[in-house]
Protein backbone atom coordinates (compact mmCIF):
# COMPACT_ATOMS: atom_id res chain seq x y z
CA MET A 1 -4.34 -1.68 -13.64
CA ALA A 2 -2.23 -4.32 -15.41
CA ASP A 3 -1.46 -6.38 -12.30
CA ALA A 4 -4.99 -6.25 -10.88
CA THR A 5 -5.44 -10.03 -10.93
CA GLU A 6 -7.66 -10.45 -7.87
CA LEU A 7 -11.46 -10.14 -7.86
CA LEU A 8 -13.07 -8.89 -4.64
CA PHE A 9 -16.86 -8.88 -4.27
CA THR A 10 -17.89 -5.90 -2.13
CA TYR A 11 -21.30 -5.29 -0.64
CA GLY A 12 -20.57 -2.72 2.05
CA THR A 13 -18.08 -0.06 3.00
CA LEU A 14 -15.36 -1.20 0.58
CA GLN A 15 -17.57 0.30 -2.12
CA PHE A 16 -17.11 3.79 -0.59
CA ALA A 17 -14.59 6.00 -2.40
CA GLU A 18 -13.15 7.29 0.89
CA VAL A 19 -12.59 3.72 2.17
CA GLN A 20 -10.96 2.69 -1.11
CA LEU A 21 -8.68 5.73 -1.08
CA ASP A 22 -7.61 4.96 2.49
CA THR A 23 -7.26 1.21 1.90
CA PHE A 24 -5.92 1.00 -1.67
CA GLY A 25 -4.63 4.52 -2.30
CA ARG A 26 -6.99 4.83 -5.27
CA VAL A 27 -10.65 4.56 -6.21
CA VAL A 28 -11.30 1.18 -7.81
CA ALA A 29 -13.87 0.90 -10.57
CA GLY A 30 -16.18 -2.03 -10.03
CA ASP A 31 -18.85 -3.82 -11.96
CA SER A 32 -22.15 -5.09 -10.61
CA ASP A 33 -22.68 -8.73 -9.72
CA VAL A 34 -24.78 -10.84 -7.37
CA LEU A 35 -23.84 -13.40 -4.73
CA PRO A 36 -26.49 -16.14 -4.44
CA GLY A 37 -27.05 -18.13 -1.25
CA TYR A 38 -26.28 -15.29 1.16
CA THR A 39 -28.11 -12.56 3.07
CA ILE A 40 -26.90 -9.44 4.84
CA ASP A 41 -26.93 -8.99 8.59
CA TYR A 42 -25.46 -6.03 10.50
CA ALA A 43 -22.84 -5.81 13.22
CA GLU A 44 -21.48 -3.10 15.50
CA ILE A 45 -17.85 -2.26 14.67
CA GLU A 46 -15.65 -1.38 17.63
CA ASP A 47 -12.42 -0.62 15.74
CA ALA A 48 -12.19 3.18 15.93
CA ARG A 49 -10.02 3.47 12.82
CA VAL A 50 -12.49 1.50 10.66
CA VAL A 51 -15.41 3.53 12.03
CA ASP A 52 -13.50 6.76 11.34
CA VAL A 53 -12.61 5.78 7.75
CA SER A 54 -16.07 4.42 6.86
CA GLY A 55 -18.09 6.94 8.85
CA LEU A 56 -20.26 4.08 10.14
CA SER A 57 -20.25 2.14 13.41
CA VAL A 58 -22.59 -0.53 12.03
CA HIS A 59 -21.43 -2.48 8.98
CA PRO A 60 -23.14 -5.13 6.85
CA VAL A 61 -22.01 -8.74 7.32
CA LEU A 62 -22.66 -11.59 4.87
CA ARG A 63 -24.34 -14.69 6.24
CA ALA A 64 -24.45 -17.91 4.20
CA THR A 65 -27.92 -19.41 3.89
CA GLY A 66 -27.29 -21.95 1.15
CA ASN A 67 -30.66 -20.95 -0.32
CA PRO A 68 -30.24 -19.87 -3.98
CA VAL A 69 -33.28 -17.60 -3.61
CA ASP A 70 -31.27 -15.41 -1.20
CA LYS A 71 -29.08 -12.92 -3.05
CA VAL A 72 -26.75 -10.05 -2.18
CA MET A 73 -26.08 -7.35 -4.76
CA GLY A 74 -22.67 -5.74 -4.87
CA LYS A 75 -19.65 -4.75 -6.93
CA VAL A 76 -16.65 -6.73 -8.10
CA LEU A 77 -13.39 -4.82 -7.70
CA HIS A 78 -10.36 -5.70 -9.82
CA ILE A 79 -7.42 -5.29 -7.42
CA THR A 80 -3.81 -6.37 -6.97
CA SER A 81 -2.64 -8.99 -4.49
CA GLU A 82 -1.13 -6.14 -2.45
CA GLU A 83 -4.49 -4.37 -2.39
CA LEU A 84 -6.14 -7.63 -1.29
CA ASP A 85 -3.68 -7.71 1.62
CA ALA A 86 -4.66 -4.10 2.40
CA ALA A 87 -8.34 -5.09 2.37
CA ASP A 88 -7.50 -7.87 4.85
CA GLU A 89 -5.97 -5.20 7.09
CA TYR A 90 -9.06 -2.98 6.79
CA GLU A 91 -11.55 -5.71 7.68
CA VAL A 92 -11.92 -6.30 11.41
CA SER A 93 -11.63 -9.74 13.04
CA LEU A 94 -15.39 -10.19 12.71
CA TYR A 95 -14.81 -10.93 9.01
CA ARG A 96 -12.96 -13.70 7.23
CA ARG A 97 -12.09 -13.83 3.54
CA THR A 98 -13.39 -16.73 1.47
CA SER A 99 -13.75 -17.60 -2.19
CA VAL A 100 -17.23 -17.65 -3.72
CA THR A 101 -18.86 -18.12 -7.12
CA LEU A 102 -20.95 -15.16 -8.22
CA ALA A 103 -24.12 -15.24 -10.33
CA SER A 104 -21.97 -14.26 -13.34
CA GLY A 105 -19.95 -17.45 -12.89
CA ARG A 106 -16.84 -15.55 -11.79
CA THR A 107 -14.91 -16.64 -8.72
CA ALA A 108 -14.12 -13.81 -6.31
CA TRP A 109 -12.97 -13.20 -2.78
CA VAL A 110 -15.54 -11.90 -0.29
CA TYR A 111 -15.56 -11.10 3.43
CA VAL A 112 -18.14 -13.04 5.45
CA GLY A 113 -19.06 -12.99 9.12
């Protein structure tokens, strides 16, 4: 997509084709990357729409550790600013979007708890 200027690091349900179709209206190809200094925890999701779309009531949540030994594997999605807004709508209030530097050196958005 020519206007896909935003990078979004995904490690959970935003990697699912059905979630991408519902959120972005398309399946987004992603490439593998790693986020150092974080681990994954899990949280119960109470938003019925998000549970229905993802098929899961428990979702992964990133937790910053600051320890470079800790790493989270995921995918980087190339999306538009409008799709980033749609991702903000999909993520429940448990998550907040922040900018991170990935192991590849790229800067991307990610949702953390």
